[in-house]
Amino acid sequence: MFSTTKNLIGKLEKNNKNFGRKKYAVFMPHFCIDFLVKFKNLSSNLTSSTHFETKNTIKEGGKATNSAFALASLEINSAIIAKTDRIGFALLKNFKSKNKLKNLDISHIKTDGKPASTCAIEMPDKNIMLSDAGSLKNFGIESLGAYDFELLKHSKLISISDWALNEKGTKLAEEIFKFAKRNNVLTFFDPGDPTPKIDSNNAENVKKIVKEIKEILNQTDFLSVNEDEFKFYELGDFKGETKIIYHTANFSSIIKKGETIAKISSFDVEVKQLTGAGDTFNSGFIFGDMGNFEEKEKLILGNAAAAYYISNPKARHANIKTLIKFLKTAKIKEI
């Protein structure tokens, strides 16, 4: 891995000034307002109402938005298609400005919907996630206009995520990916945690979910999943053309037609951010694919982007300069 990383650093340094200026990726359909609440001390035996002092942060969220922010930080032109309200859009503009992302296009955000929000409560011994999907819950193909399709038509890659939170997610993914294939655009799918779609009282429900995923993969170039998602979606015996981007805490790999064609260890860092690693990994990988890097290099880029983000105390994404610096000094996990 050392020689591969060294070669990768050389490529990044050579292309640092003008990489990806004419390419762009589109991410959809989720923008979310994230509230991060951290407790230093909290008793698990509470029996009455009380007041706690916490450290709170408000930031951009949603898999599509996280990925777009991370990729734009790496100087790839990125766009988000999602729905919120005027207050949500005002916050998004503020988040974009704060991160100084001039190459992030948010002009395709609809403001006639309901804002999505998530409250992540981080406690010493556990984490609790509270979510309101807002307009994502019913974001369908009818939410897009001609202006959006023109953007999609001329993009390099289209990424759809948070499928499990969207009741219209299957049809949206199928229609958008078919459109992408007709226009020679790459497709990237991150379905997310299937829990919202699971009906524990319906034995056929899981089979239906797995079937829908397999149908979407007919039009998918890249599928990004973690360990639990890989098992749930029954991808161990999948023999299709889709490249499965399999990422875990210790390593990431690319699987095609049931065979592992590339595998790379993760970086050993002190974790300071508990969410967003997978979304940032996706952007690092997409950065590598759009730059025509080798398969192992794409995985290193994904691992590095994610590791930089989760170890950054201010939850900042890497740019090319800081990514190169990270690659030169980071330690590798042993697997």
C-alpha atoms as a PDB file:
ATOM      1  CA  MET A   1       0.000   0.000   0.000  1.00  0.00           C
ATOM      2  CA  PHE A   2       2.941   2.344   0.676  1.00  0.00           C
ATOM      3  CA  SER A   3       4.062   2.432  -2.969  1.00  0.00           C
ATOM      4  CA  THR A   4       0.478   2.892  -4.175  1.00  0.00           C
ATOM      5  CA  THR A   5      -0.026   5.805  -1.784  1.00  0.00           C
ATOM      6  CA  LYS A   6       3.286   7.370  -2.818  1.00  0.00           C
ATOM      7  CA  ASN A   7       2.319   7.207  -6.498  1.00  0.00           C
ATOM      8  CA  LEU A   8      -1.096   8.646  -5.658  1.00  0.00           C
ATOM      9  CA  ILE A   9       0.451  11.606  -3.831  1.00  0.00           C
ATOM     10  CA  GLY A  10       2.591  12.311  -6.886  1.00  0.00           C
ATOM     11  CA  LYS A  11      -0.462  12.356  -9.146  1.00  0.00           C
ATOM     12  CA  LEU A  12      -2.359  14.652  -6.789  1.00  0.00           C
ATOM     13  CA  GLU A  13       0.542  17.095  -6.543  1.00  0.00           C
ATOM     14  CA  LYS A  14       0.922  17.162 -10.320  1.00  0.00           C
ATOM     15  CA  ASN A  15      -2.770  17.941 -10.894  1.00  0.00           C
ATOM     16  CA  ASN A  16      -3.346  20.135  -7.836  1.00  0.00           C
ATOM     17  CA  LYS A  17      -3.973  23.393  -9.719  1.00  0.00           C
ATOM     18  CA  ASN A  18      -6.583  22.444 -12.294  1.00  0.00           C
ATOM     19  CA  PHE A  19      -8.012  19.050 -11.399  1.00  0.00           C
ATOM     20  CA  GLY A  20     -11.615  18.469 -12.398  1.00  0.00           C
ATOM     21  CA  ARG A  21     -12.510  22.027 -13.368  1.00  0.00           C
ATOM     22  CA  LYS A  22     -14.675  20.952 -16.305  1.00  0.00           C
ATOM     23  CA  LYS A  23     -16.313  17.964 -14.608  1.00  0.00           C
ATOM     24  CA  TYR A  24     -19.202  17.931 -12.164  1.00  0.00           C
ATOM     25  CA  ALA A  25     -21.307  15.524 -10.173  1.00  0.00           C
ATOM     26  CA  VAL A  26     -24.939  15.807  -9.083  1.00  0.00           C
ATOM     27  CA  PHE A  27     -26.153  14.560  -5.697  1.00  0.00           C
ATOM     28  CA  MET A  28     -29.795  14.015  -4.733  1.00  0.00           C
ATOM     29  CA  PRO A  29     -32.316  14.135  -3.110  1.00  0.00           C
ATOM     30  CA  HIS A  30     -31.545  15.013   0.536  1.00  0.00           C
ATOM     31  CA  PHE A  31     -30.630  18.217   2.335  1.00  0.00           C
ATOM     32  CA  CYS A  32     -31.025  18.027   6.077  1.00  0.00           C
ATOM     33  CA  ILE A  33     -30.383  20.403   8.967  1.00  0.00           C
ATOM     34  CA  ASP A  34     -28.235  18.552  11.488  1.00  0.00           C
ATOM     35  CA  PHE A  35     -28.286  19.343  15.189  1.00  0.00           C
ATOM     36  CA  LEU A  36     -25.404  17.707  17.050  1.00  0.00           C
ATOM     37  CA  VAL A  37     -25.837  17.554  20.825  1.00  0.00           C
ATOM     38  CA  LYS A  38     -22.956  16.407  23.028  1.00  0.00           C
ATOM     39  CA  PHE A  39     -23.271  15.456  26.700  1.00  0.00           C
ATOM     40  CA  LYS A  40     -20.171  15.221  28.847  1.00  0.00           C
ATOM     41  CA  ASN A  41     -21.896  13.701  31.862  1.00  0.00           C
ATOM     42  CA  LEU A  42     -25.335  12.154  31.861  1.00  0.00           C
ATOM     43  CA  SER A  43     -26.899   9.683  34.234  1.00  0.00           C
ATOM     44  CA  SER A  44     -28.796   6.796  32.649  1.00  0.00           C
ATOM     45  CA  ASN A  45     -31.085   6.586  35.693  1.00  0.00           C
ATOM     46  CA  LEU A  46     -33.102   9.743  35.197  1.00  0.00           C
ATOM     47  CA  THR A  47     -36.522   9.673  36.864  1.00  0.00           C
ATOM     48  CA  SER A  48     -37.651  13.282  36.520  1.00  0.00           C
ATOM     49  CA  SER A  49     -37.395  16.328  34.277  1.00  0.00           C
ATOM     50  CA  THR A  50     -34.127  18.203  34.490  1.00  0.00           C
ATOM     51  CA  HIS A  51     -31.809  20.586  32.659  1.00  0.00           C
ATOM     52  CA  PHE A  52     -28.402  19.803  31.182  1.00  0.00           C
ATOM     53  CA  GLU A  53     -25.656  21.951  29.792  1.00  0.00           C
ATOM     54  CA  THR A  54     -24.608  20.612  26.392  1.00  0.00           C
ATOM     55  CA  LYS A  55     -22.356  21.544  23.508  1.00  0.00           C
ATOM     56  CA  ASN A  56     -24.532  21.958  20.401  1.00  0.00           C
ATOM     57  CA  THR A  57     -23.640  22.351  16.737  1.00  0.00           C
ATOM     58  CA  ILE A  58     -25.862  23.052  13.738  1.00  0.00           C
ATOM     59  CA  LYS A  59     -24.558  22.092  10.304  1.00  0.00           C
ATOM     60  CA  GLU A  60     -25.488  20.775   6.878  1.00  0.00           C
ATOM     61  CA  GLY A  61     -26.608  17.162   6.693  1.00  0.00           C
ATOM     62  CA  GLY A  62     -28.208  14.503   4.534  1.00  0.00           C
ATOM     63  CA  LYS A  63     -26.147  11.996   2.577  1.00  0.00           C
ATOM     64  CA  ALA A  64     -26.448  13.869  -0.724  1.00  0.00           C
ATOM     65  CA  THR A  65     -25.497  17.193   0.841  1.00  0.00           C
ATOM     66  CA  ASN A  66     -22.622  15.757   2.868  1.00  0.00           C
ATOM     67  CA  SER A  67     -21.184  14.133  -0.245  1.00  0.00           C
ATOM     68  CA  ALA A  68     -21.599  17.260  -2.360  1.00  0.00           C
ATOM     69  CA  PHE A  69     -19.861  19.407   0.266  1.00  0.00           C
ATOM     70  CA  ALA A  70     -16.987  16.927   0.541  1.00  0.00           C
ATOM     71  CA  LEU A  71     -16.496  16.657  -3.230  1.00  0.00           C
ATOM     72  CA  ALA A  72     -16.726  20.416  -3.735  1.00  0.00           C
ATOM     73  CA  SER A  73     -14.023  20.783  -1.077  1.00  0.00           C
ATOM     74  CA  LEU A  74     -11.835  18.646  -3.357  1.00  0.00           C
ATOM     75  CA  GLU A  75     -12.401  21.188  -6.146  1.00  0.00           C
ATOM     76  CA  ILE A  76     -14.837  19.102  -8.190  1.00  0.00           C
ATOM     77  CA  ASN A  77     -17.896  21.046  -9.345  1.00  0.00           C
ATOM     78  CA  SER A  78     -20.879  19.621  -7.485  1.00  0.00           C
ATOM     79  CA  ALA A  79     -24.618  20.250  -7.433  1.00  0.00           C
ATOM     80  CA  ILE A  80     -27.418  19.285  -5.047  1.00  0.00           C
ATOM     81  CA  ILE A  81     -31.023  18.586  -6.037  1.00  0.00           C
ATOM     82  CA  ALA A  82     -33.300  18.480  -2.986  1.00  0.00           C
ATOM     83  CA  LYS A  83     -36.345  20.099  -1.394  1.00  0.00           C
ATOM     84  CA  THR A  84     -36.664  22.239   1.741  1.00  0.00           C
ATOM     85  CA  ASP A  85     -38.316  25.556   2.677  1.00  0.00           C
ATOM     86  CA  ARG A  86     -37.014  29.143   2.578  1.00  0.00           C
ATOM     87  CA  ILE A  87     -35.499  28.948   6.042  1.00  0.00           C
ATOM     88  CA  GLY A  88     -33.769  25.695   5.169  1.00  0.00           C
ATOM     89  CA  PHE A  89     -32.392  27.213   1.968  1.00  0.00           C
ATOM     90  CA  ALA A  90     -31.126  30.266   3.858  1.00  0.00           C
ATOM     91  CA  LEU A  91     -29.266  27.951   6.222  1.00  0.00           C
ATOM     92  CA  LEU A  92     -27.837  25.976   3.296  1.00  0.00           C
ATOM     93  CA  LYS A  93     -26.523  29.185   1.728  1.00  0.00           C
ATOM     94  CA  ASN A  94     -24.906  30.030   5.044  1.00  0.00           C
ATOM     95  CA  PHE A  95     -23.310  26.573   5.297  1.00  0.00           C
ATOM     96  CA  LYS A  96     -21.978  26.895   1.746  1.00  0.00           C
ATOM     97  CA  SER A  97     -20.540  30.342   2.455  1.00  0.00           C
ATOM     98  CA  LYS A  98     -18.985  29.207   5.729  1.00  0.00           C
ATOM     99  CA  ASN A  99     -17.193  26.382   3.913  1.00  0.00           C
ATOM    100  CA  LYS A 100     -16.140  28.712   1.050  1.00  0.00           C
ATOM    101  CA  LEU A 101     -17.445  26.359  -1.633  1.00  0.00           C
ATOM    102  CA  LYS A 102     -17.605  28.495  -4.760  1.00  0.00           C
ATOM    103  CA  ASN A 103     -17.953  25.436  -6.994  1.00  0.00           C
ATOM    104  CA  LEU A 104     -21.032  24.060  -5.190  1.00  0.00           C
ATOM    105  CA  ASP A 105     -24.281  24.668  -7.102  1.00  0.00           C
ATOM    106  CA  ILE A 106     -27.356  24.935  -4.856  1.00  0.00           C
ATOM    107  CA  SER A 107     -29.597  26.616  -7.451  1.00  0.00           C
ATOM    108  CA  HIS A 108     -31.537  23.358  -7.915  1.00  0.00           C
ATOM    109  CA  ILE A 109     -32.821  23.323  -4.334  1.00  0.00           C
ATOM    110  CA  LYS A 110     -36.637  23.570  -4.190  1.00  0.00           C
ATOM    111  CA  THR A 111     -38.020  25.846  -1.465  1.00  0.00           C
ATOM    112  CA  ASP A 112     -41.683  24.796  -1.587  1.00  0.00           C
ATOM    113  CA  GLY A 113     -41.293  21.815   0.715  1.00  0.00           C
ATOM    114  CA  LYS A 114     -40.771  20.877   4.341  1.00  0.00           C
ATOM    115  CA  PRO A 115     -37.277  20.968   5.868  1.00  0.00           C
ATOM    116  CA  ALA A 116     -35.658  17.719   6.922  1.00  0.00           C
ATOM    117  CA  SER A 117     -33.829  17.695  10.246  1.00  0.00           C
ATOM    118  CA  THR A 118     -31.818  15.320  12.377  1.00  0.00           C
ATOM    119  CA  CYS A 119     -30.804  15.570  16.008  1.00  0.00           C
ATOM    120  CA  ALA A 120     -27.808  13.416  16.887  1.00  0.00           C
ATOM    121  CA  ILE A 121     -27.391  13.094  20.650  1.00  0.00           C
ATOM    122  CA  GLU A 122     -23.909  11.927  21.625  1.00  0.00           C
ATOM    123  CA  MET A 123     -23.605  10.568  25.174  1.00  0.00           C
ATOM    124  CA  PRO A 124     -20.669   8.906  26.941  1.00  0.00           C
ATOM    125  CA  ASP A 125     -22.049   5.383  26.501  1.00  0.00           C
ATOM    126  CA  LYS A 126     -24.501   5.628  23.596  1.00  0.00           C
ATOM    127  CA  ASN A 127     -25.752   7.717  20.693  1.00  0.00           C
ATOM    128  CA  ILE A 128     -29.359   8.540  19.826  1.00  0.00           C
ATOM    129  CA  MET A 129     -30.527   9.742  16.406  1.00  0.00           C
ATOM    130  CA  LEU A 130     -33.844  11.602  15.997  1.00  0.00           C
ATOM    131  CA  SER A 131     -34.907  12.277  12.408  1.00  0.00           C
ATOM    132  CA  ASP A 132     -37.636  14.076  10.484  1.00  0.00           C
ATOM    133  CA  ALA A 133     -37.339  13.278   6.768  1.00  0.00           C
ATOM    134  CA  GLY A 134     -39.364  16.323   5.713  1.00  0.00           C
ATOM    135  CA  SER A 135     -39.937  16.501   1.952  1.00  0.00           C
ATOM    136  CA  LEU A 136     -37.414  13.726   1.323  1.00  0.00           C
ATOM    137  CA  LYS A 137     -40.085  11.238   2.372  1.00  0.00           C
ATOM    138  CA  ASN A 138     -42.016  11.833  -0.867  1.00  0.00           C
ATOM    139  CA  PHE A 139     -39.370  13.153  -3.252  1.00  0.00           C
ATOM    140  CA  GLY A 140     -40.301  11.706  -6.638  1.00  0.00           C
ATOM    141  CA  ILE A 141     -39.501  12.226 -10.295  1.00  0.00           C
ATOM    142  CA  GLU A 142     -42.279  14.848 -10.434  1.00  0.00           C
ATOM    143  CA  SER A 143     -40.185  17.051  -8.130  1.00  0.00           C
ATOM    144  CA  LEU A 144     -37.733  17.689 -10.974  1.00  0.00           C
ATOM    145  CA  GLY A 145     -38.145  20.220 -13.775  1.00  0.00           C
ATOM    146  CA  ALA A 146     -36.566  20.744 -17.189  1.00  0.00           C
ATOM    147  CA  TYR A 147     -33.806  22.826 -15.583  1.00  0.00           C
ATOM    148  CA  ASP A 148     -32.852  19.868 -13.391  1.00  0.00           C
ATOM    149  CA  PHE A 149     -32.827  17.369 -16.248  1.00  0.00           C
ATOM    150  CA  GLU A 150     -30.579  19.662 -18.261  1.00  0.00           C
ATOM    151  CA  LEU A 151     -28.135  19.609 -15.359  1.00  0.00           C
ATOM    152  CA  LEU A 152     -28.330  15.823 -15.088  1.00  0.00           C
ATOM    153  CA  LYS A 153     -27.892  15.337 -18.828  1.00  0.00           C
ATOM    154  CA  HIS A 154     -24.553  17.142 -18.918  1.00  0.00           C
ATOM    155  CA  SER A 155     -23.093  15.826 -15.666  1.00  0.00           C
ATOM    156  CA  LYS A 156     -20.291  13.304 -15.321  1.00  0.00           C
ATOM    157  CA  LEU A 157     -21.957  11.372 -12.502  1.00  0.00           C
ATOM    158  CA  ILE A 158     -25.333  11.250 -10.727  1.00  0.00           C
ATOM    159  CA  SER A 159     -25.534  10.009  -7.156  1.00  0.00           C
ATOM    160  CA  ILE A 160     -28.782   9.016  -5.424  1.00  0.00           C
ATOM    161  CA  SER A 161     -28.743   8.299  -1.698  1.00  0.00           C
ATOM    162  CA  ASP A 162     -31.039   7.902   1.314  1.00  0.00           C
ATOM    163  CA  TRP A 163     -33.277   5.611  -0.727  1.00  0.00           C
ATOM    164  CA  ALA A 164     -34.521   3.953   2.454  1.00  0.00           C
ATOM    165  CA  LEU A 165     -35.983   7.231   3.760  1.00  0.00           C
ATOM    166  CA  ASN A 166     -37.882   7.994   0.553  1.00  0.00           C
ATOM    167  CA  GLU A 167     -41.217   6.297  -0.106  1.00  0.00           C
ATOM    168  CA  LYS A 168     -40.770   7.102  -3.808  1.00  0.00           C
ATOM    169  CA  GLY A 169     -37.103   6.154  -3.770  1.00  0.00           C
ATOM    170  CA  THR A 170     -37.273   3.081  -6.002  1.00  0.00           C
ATOM    171  CA  LYS A 171     -39.101   4.744  -8.873  1.00  0.00           C
ATOM    172  CA  LEU A 172     -36.948   7.868  -8.547  1.00  0.00           C
ATOM    173  CA  ALA A 173     -33.718   5.859  -8.751  1.00  0.00           C
ATOM    174  CA  GLU A 174     -34.939   3.723 -11.654  1.00  0.00           C
ATOM    175  CA  GLU A 175     -36.134   6.677 -13.737  1.00  0.00           C
ATOM    176  CA  ILE A 176     -33.141   8.931 -13.046  1.00  0.00           C
ATOM    177  CA  PHE A 177     -30.625   6.160 -13.672  1.00  0.00           C
ATOM    178  CA  LYS A 178     -32.330   5.155 -16.932  1.00  0.00           C
ATOM    179  CA  PHE A 179     -32.126   8.797 -18.007  1.00  0.00           C
ATOM    180  CA  ALA A 180     -28.454   8.829 -17.022  1.00  0.00           C
ATOM    181  CA  LYS A 181     -27.674   5.719 -19.052  1.00  0.00           C
ATOM    182  CA  ARG A 182     -29.366   7.208 -22.137  1.00  0.00           C
ATOM    183  CA  ASN A 183     -27.014  10.184 -21.797  1.00  0.00           C
ATOM    184  CA  ASN A 184     -23.814   8.272 -20.958  1.00  0.00           C
ATOM    185  CA  VAL A 185     -23.707   9.551 -17.372  1.00  0.00           C
ATOM    186  CA  LEU A 186     -22.254   7.422 -14.568  1.00  0.00           C
ATOM    187  CA  THR A 187     -24.612   6.333 -11.772  1.00  0.00           C
ATOM    188  CA  PHE A 188     -23.774   6.006  -8.078  1.00  0.00           C
ATOM    189  CA  PHE A 189     -26.218   4.555  -5.527  1.00  0.00           C
ATOM    190  CA  ASP A 190     -26.019   4.685  -1.727  1.00  0.00           C
ATOM    191  CA  PRO A 191     -29.322   3.265  -0.409  1.00  0.00           C
ATOM    192  CA  GLY A 192     -28.454   3.765   3.250  1.00  0.00           C
ATOM    193  CA  ASP A 193     -29.674   1.932   6.333  1.00  0.00           C
ATOM    194  CA  PRO A 194     -32.736  -0.156   5.315  1.00  0.00           C
ATOM    195  CA  THR A 195     -34.369   0.116   8.764  1.00  0.00           C
ATOM    196  CA  PRO A 196     -37.020   2.723   7.752  1.00  0.00           C
ATOM    197  CA  LYS A 197     -38.380   0.354   5.088  1.00  0.00           C
ATOM    198  CA  ILE A 198     -38.480  -2.765   7.267  1.00  0.00           C
ATOM    199  CA  ASP A 199     -41.864  -4.016   8.476  1.00  0.00           C
ATOM    200  CA  SER A 200     -41.183  -6.544  11.236  1.00  0.00           C
ATOM    201  CA  ASN A 201     -44.751  -7.858  10.980  1.00  0.00           C
ATOM    202  CA  ASN A 202     -44.445  -8.712   7.293  1.00  0.00           C
ATOM    203  CA  ALA A 203     -42.176 -11.640   6.420  1.00  0.00           C
ATOM    204  CA  GLU A 204     -42.312 -10.797   2.715  1.00  0.00           C
ATOM    205  CA  ASN A 205     -41.221  -7.211   3.328  1.00  0.00           C
ATOM    206  CA  VAL A 206     -37.487  -7.986   3.432  1.00  0.00           C
ATOM    207  CA  LYS A 207     -37.687  -9.988   0.203  1.00  0.00           C
ATOM    208  CA  LYS A 208     -39.429  -7.058  -1.469  1.00  0.00           C
ATOM    209  CA  ILE A 209     -36.723  -4.624  -0.326  1.00  0.00           C
ATOM    210  CA  VAL A 210     -33.927  -6.863  -1.605  1.00  0.00           C
ATOM    211  CA  LYS A 211     -35.726  -7.342  -4.926  1.00  0.00           C
ATOM    212  CA  GLU A 212     -36.131  -3.591  -5.397  1.00  0.00           C
ATOM    213  CA  ILE A 213     -32.432  -3.017  -4.734  1.00  0.00           C
ATOM    214  CA  LYS A 214     -31.428  -5.673  -7.278  1.00  0.00           C
ATOM    215  CA  GLU A 215     -33.699  -4.074  -9.889  1.00  0.00           C
ATOM    216  CA  ILE A 216     -32.127  -0.651  -9.336  1.00  0.00           C
ATOM    217  CA  LEU A 217     -28.676  -2.200  -9.766  1.00  0.00           C
ATOM    218  CA  ASN A 218     -29.512  -2.975 -13.403  1.00  0.00           C
ATOM    219  CA  GLN A 219     -28.866   0.722 -14.094  1.00  0.00           C
ATOM    220  CA  THR A 220     -26.179   1.314 -11.451  1.00  0.00           C
ATOM    221  CA  ASP A 221     -22.433   1.658 -12.065  1.00  0.00           C
ATOM    222  CA  PHE A 222     -21.449   1.932  -8.385  1.00  0.00           C
ATOM    223  CA  LEU A 223     -23.216   0.749  -5.227  1.00  0.00           C
ATOM    224  CA  SER A 224     -21.855   1.983  -1.891  1.00  0.00           C
ATOM    225  CA  VAL A 225     -22.661  -0.086   1.223  1.00  0.00           C
ATOM    226  CA  ASN A 226     -21.270  -0.833   4.665  1.00  0.00           C
ATOM    227  CA  GLU A 227     -21.062  -4.256   6.328  1.00  0.00           C
ATOM    228  CA  ASP A 228     -24.639  -4.388   7.634  1.00  0.00           C
ATOM    229  CA  GLU A 229     -26.127  -3.120   4.372  1.00  0.00           C
ATOM    230  CA  PHE A 230     -24.109  -5.633   2.341  1.00  0.00           C
ATOM    231  CA  LYS A 231     -25.583  -8.476   4.383  1.00  0.00           C
ATOM    232  CA  PHE A 232     -29.143  -7.161   4.489  1.00  0.00           C
ATOM    233  CA  TYR A 233     -29.326  -6.537   0.736  1.00  0.00           C
ATOM    234  CA  GLU A 234     -27.954 -10.061   0.132  1.00  0.00           C
ATOM    235  CA  LEU A 235     -25.095  -8.920  -2.071  1.00  0.00           C
ATOM    236  CA  GLY A 236     -22.776 -11.836  -1.354  1.00  0.00           C
ATOM    237  CA  ASP A 237     -24.036 -13.741  -4.387  1.00  0.00           C
ATOM    238  CA  PHE A 238     -24.607 -10.724  -6.656  1.00  0.00           C
ATOM    239  CA  LYS A 239     -23.014 -11.339 -10.063  1.00  0.00           C
ATOM    240  CA  GLY A 240     -24.102  -8.216 -11.947  1.00  0.00           C
ATOM    241  CA  GLU A 241     -21.923  -5.593 -13.629  1.00  0.00           C
ATOM    242  CA  THR A 242     -22.320  -3.069 -10.799  1.00  0.00           C
ATOM    243  CA  LYS A 243     -19.151  -2.390  -8.824  1.00  0.00           C
ATOM    244  CA  ILE A 244     -19.924  -2.747  -5.129  1.00  0.00           C
ATOM    245  CA  ILE A 245     -17.956  -0.267  -3.045  1.00  0.00           C
ATOM    246  CA  TYR A 246     -17.754  -2.048   0.304  1.00  0.00           C
ATOM    247  CA  HIS A 247     -16.497   0.074   3.198  1.00  0.00           C
ATOM    248  CA  THR A 248     -15.915  -0.904   6.814  1.00  0.00           C
ATOM    249  CA  ALA A 249     -14.107   0.618   9.789  1.00  0.00           C
ATOM    250  CA  ASN A 250     -10.972  -1.401   9.001  1.00  0.00           C
ATOM    251  CA  PHE A 251     -10.862  -1.612   5.210  1.00  0.00           C
ATOM    252  CA  SER A 252     -12.640  -0.858   1.962  1.00  0.00           C
ATOM    253  CA  SER A 253     -12.886  -2.938  -1.185  1.00  0.00           C
ATOM    254  CA  ILE A 254     -14.358  -3.104  -4.667  1.00  0.00           C
ATOM    255  CA  ILE A 255     -16.362  -6.200  -5.556  1.00  0.00           C
ATOM    256  CA  LYS A 256     -17.453  -7.058  -9.090  1.00  0.00           C
ATOM    257  CA  LYS A 257     -19.322 -10.201 -10.139  1.00  0.00           C
ATOM    258  CA  GLY A 258     -18.702 -11.712  -6.717  1.00  0.00           C
ATOM    259  CA  GLU A 259     -14.925 -11.191  -6.810  1.00  0.00           C
ATOM    260  CA  THR A 260     -12.882  -8.679  -4.813  1.00  0.00           C
ATOM    261  CA  ILE A 261     -10.846  -6.732  -7.370  1.00  0.00           C
ATOM    262  CA  ALA A 262      -9.259  -4.233  -4.947  1.00  0.00           C
ATOM    263  CA  LYS A 263      -8.879  -3.953  -1.177  1.00  0.00           C
ATOM    264  CA  ILE A 264      -7.204  -1.298   0.989  1.00  0.00           C
ATOM    265  CA  SER A 265      -6.777  -0.865   4.758  1.00  0.00           C
ATOM    266  CA  SER A 266      -8.331   2.134   6.485  1.00  0.00           C
ATOM    267  CA  PHE A 267      -6.355   4.888   8.197  1.00  0.00           C
ATOM    268  CA  ASP A 268      -5.841   4.803  11.951  1.00  0.00           C
ATOM    269  CA  VAL A 269      -7.168   8.088  13.376  1.00  0.00           C
ATOM    270  CA  GLU A 270      -8.768   9.400  16.553  1.00  0.00           C
ATOM    271  CA  VAL A 271     -12.492   9.631  15.847  1.00  0.00           C
ATOM    272  CA  LYS A 272     -14.001  13.006  16.723  1.00  0.00           C
ATOM    273  CA  GLN A 273     -17.061  12.940  14.434  1.00  0.00           C
ATOM    274  CA  LEU A 274     -19.517  10.038  14.691  1.00  0.00           C
ATOM    275  CA  THR A 275     -21.526  10.725  11.529  1.00  0.00           C
ATOM    276  CA  GLY A 276     -20.748  11.464   7.881  1.00  0.00           C
ATOM    277  CA  ALA A 277     -17.860   9.046   7.340  1.00  0.00           C
ATOM    278  CA  GLY A 278     -19.640   6.996   4.668  1.00  0.00           C
ATOM    279  CA  ASP A 279     -20.834  10.053   2.738  1.00  0.00           C
ATOM    280  CA  THR A 280     -17.328  11.525   2.760  1.00  0.00           C
ATOM    281  CA  PHE A 281     -15.825   8.191   1.720  1.00  0.00           C
ATOM    282  CA  ASN A 282     -18.155   8.212  -1.288  1.00  0.00           C
ATOM    283  CA  SER A 283     -16.883  11.630  -2.341  1.00  0.00           C
ATOM    284  CA  GLY A 284     -13.253  10.604  -2.070  1.00  0.00           C
ATOM    285  CA  PHE A 285     -13.978   7.561  -4.217  1.00  0.00           C
ATOM    286  CA  ILE A 286     -15.952   9.615  -6.756  1.00  0.00           C
ATOM    287  CA  PHE A 287     -13.094  12.133  -6.875  1.00  0.00           C
ATOM    288  CA  GLY A 288     -10.785   9.259  -7.776  1.00  0.00           C
ATOM    289  CA  ASP A 289     -13.105   7.834 -10.400  1.00  0.00           C
ATOM    290  CA  MET A 290     -13.677  11.189 -12.089  1.00  0.00           C
ATOM    291  CA  GLY A 291      -9.901  11.672 -12.150  1.00  0.00           C
ATOM    292  CA  ASN A 292      -9.337   8.264 -13.777  1.00  0.00           C
ATOM    293  CA  PHE A 293      -7.282   6.969 -10.865  1.00  0.00           C
ATOM    294  CA  GLU A 294      -6.612   3.248 -10.405  1.00  0.00           C
ATOM    295  CA  GLU A 295      -9.023   1.142  -8.339  1.00  0.00           C
ATOM    296  CA  LYS A 296      -6.805   0.919  -5.241  1.00  0.00           C
ATOM    297  CA  GLU A 297      -6.107   4.642  -5.472  1.00  0.00           C
ATOM    298  CA  LYS A 298      -9.842   5.368  -5.471  1.00  0.00           C
ATOM    299  CA  LEU A 299     -10.215   3.380  -2.257  1.00  0.00           C
ATOM    300  CA  ILE A 300      -7.275   5.185  -0.656  1.00  0.00           C
ATOM    301  CA  LEU A 301      -8.855   8.514  -1.590  1.00  0.00           C
ATOM    302  CA  GLY A 302     -12.171   7.418  -0.102  1.00  0.00           C
ATOM    303  CA  ASN A 303     -10.528   6.189   3.090  1.00  0.00           C
ATOM    304  CA  ALA A 304      -8.395   9.327   3.386  1.00  0.00           C
ATOM    305  CA  ALA A 305     -11.280  11.754   2.833  1.00  0.00           C
ATOM    306  CA  ALA A 306     -13.369   9.937   5.453  1.00  0.00           C
ATOM    307  CA  ALA A 307     -10.520   9.630   7.957  1.00  0.00           C
ATOM    308  CA  TYR A 308      -9.596  13.304   7.612  1.00  0.00           C
ATOM    309  CA  TYR A 309     -13.208  14.332   8.210  1.00  0.00           C
ATOM    310  CA  ILE A 310     -13.971  12.138  11.220  1.00  0.00           C
ATOM    311  CA  SER A 311     -10.686  13.111  12.898  1.00  0.00           C
ATOM    312  CA  ASN A 312     -11.157  16.843  12.331  1.00  0.00           C
ATOM    313  CA  PRO A 313     -12.395  18.542  15.535  1.00  0.00           C
ATOM    314  CA  LYS A 314     -14.333  21.131  13.504  1.00  0.00           C
ATOM    315  CA  ALA A 315     -15.888  18.577  11.107  1.00  0.00           C
ATOM    316  CA  ARG A 316     -14.157  20.101   8.103  1.00  0.00           C
ATOM    317  CA  HIS A 317     -13.683  18.292   4.815  1.00  0.00           C
ATOM    318  CA  ALA A 318     -10.288  17.947   3.204  1.00  0.00           C
ATOM    319  CA  ASN A 319      -9.234  19.982   0.201  1.00  0.00           C
ATOM    320  CA  ILE A 320      -6.572  18.646  -2.150  1.00  0.00           C
ATOM    321  CA  LYS A 321      -3.749  20.341  -0.243  1.00  0.00           C
ATOM    322  CA  THR A 322      -4.797  19.027   3.172  1.00  0.00           C
ATOM    323  CA  LEU A 323      -5.568  15.599   1.703  1.00  0.00           C
ATOM    324  CA  ILE A 324      -2.024  15.340   0.330  1.00  0.00           C
ATOM    325  CA  LYS A 325      -0.619  16.372   3.712  1.00  0.00           C
ATOM    326  CA  PHE A 326      -2.803  13.768   5.434  1.00  0.00           C
ATOM    327  CA  LEU A 327      -1.666  11.005   3.053  1.00  0.00           C
ATOM    328  CA  LYS A 328       1.985  11.813   3.761  1.00  0.00           C
ATOM    329  CA  THR A 329       1.645  11.384   7.529  1.00  0.00           C
ATOM    330  CA  ALA A 330      -1.336   9.116   8.247  1.00  0.00           C
ATOM    331  CA  LYS A 331      -0.964   5.680   9.810  1.00  0.00           C
ATOM    332  CA  ILE A 332      -2.557   2.568   8.324  1.00  0.00           C
ATOM    333  CA  LYS A 333      -4.688   0.117  10.297  1.00  0.00           C
ATOM    334  CA  GLU A 334      -3.475  -3.466  10.445  1.00  0.00           C
ATOM    335  CA  ILE A 335      -6.006  -6.043   9.195  1.00  0.00           C
END
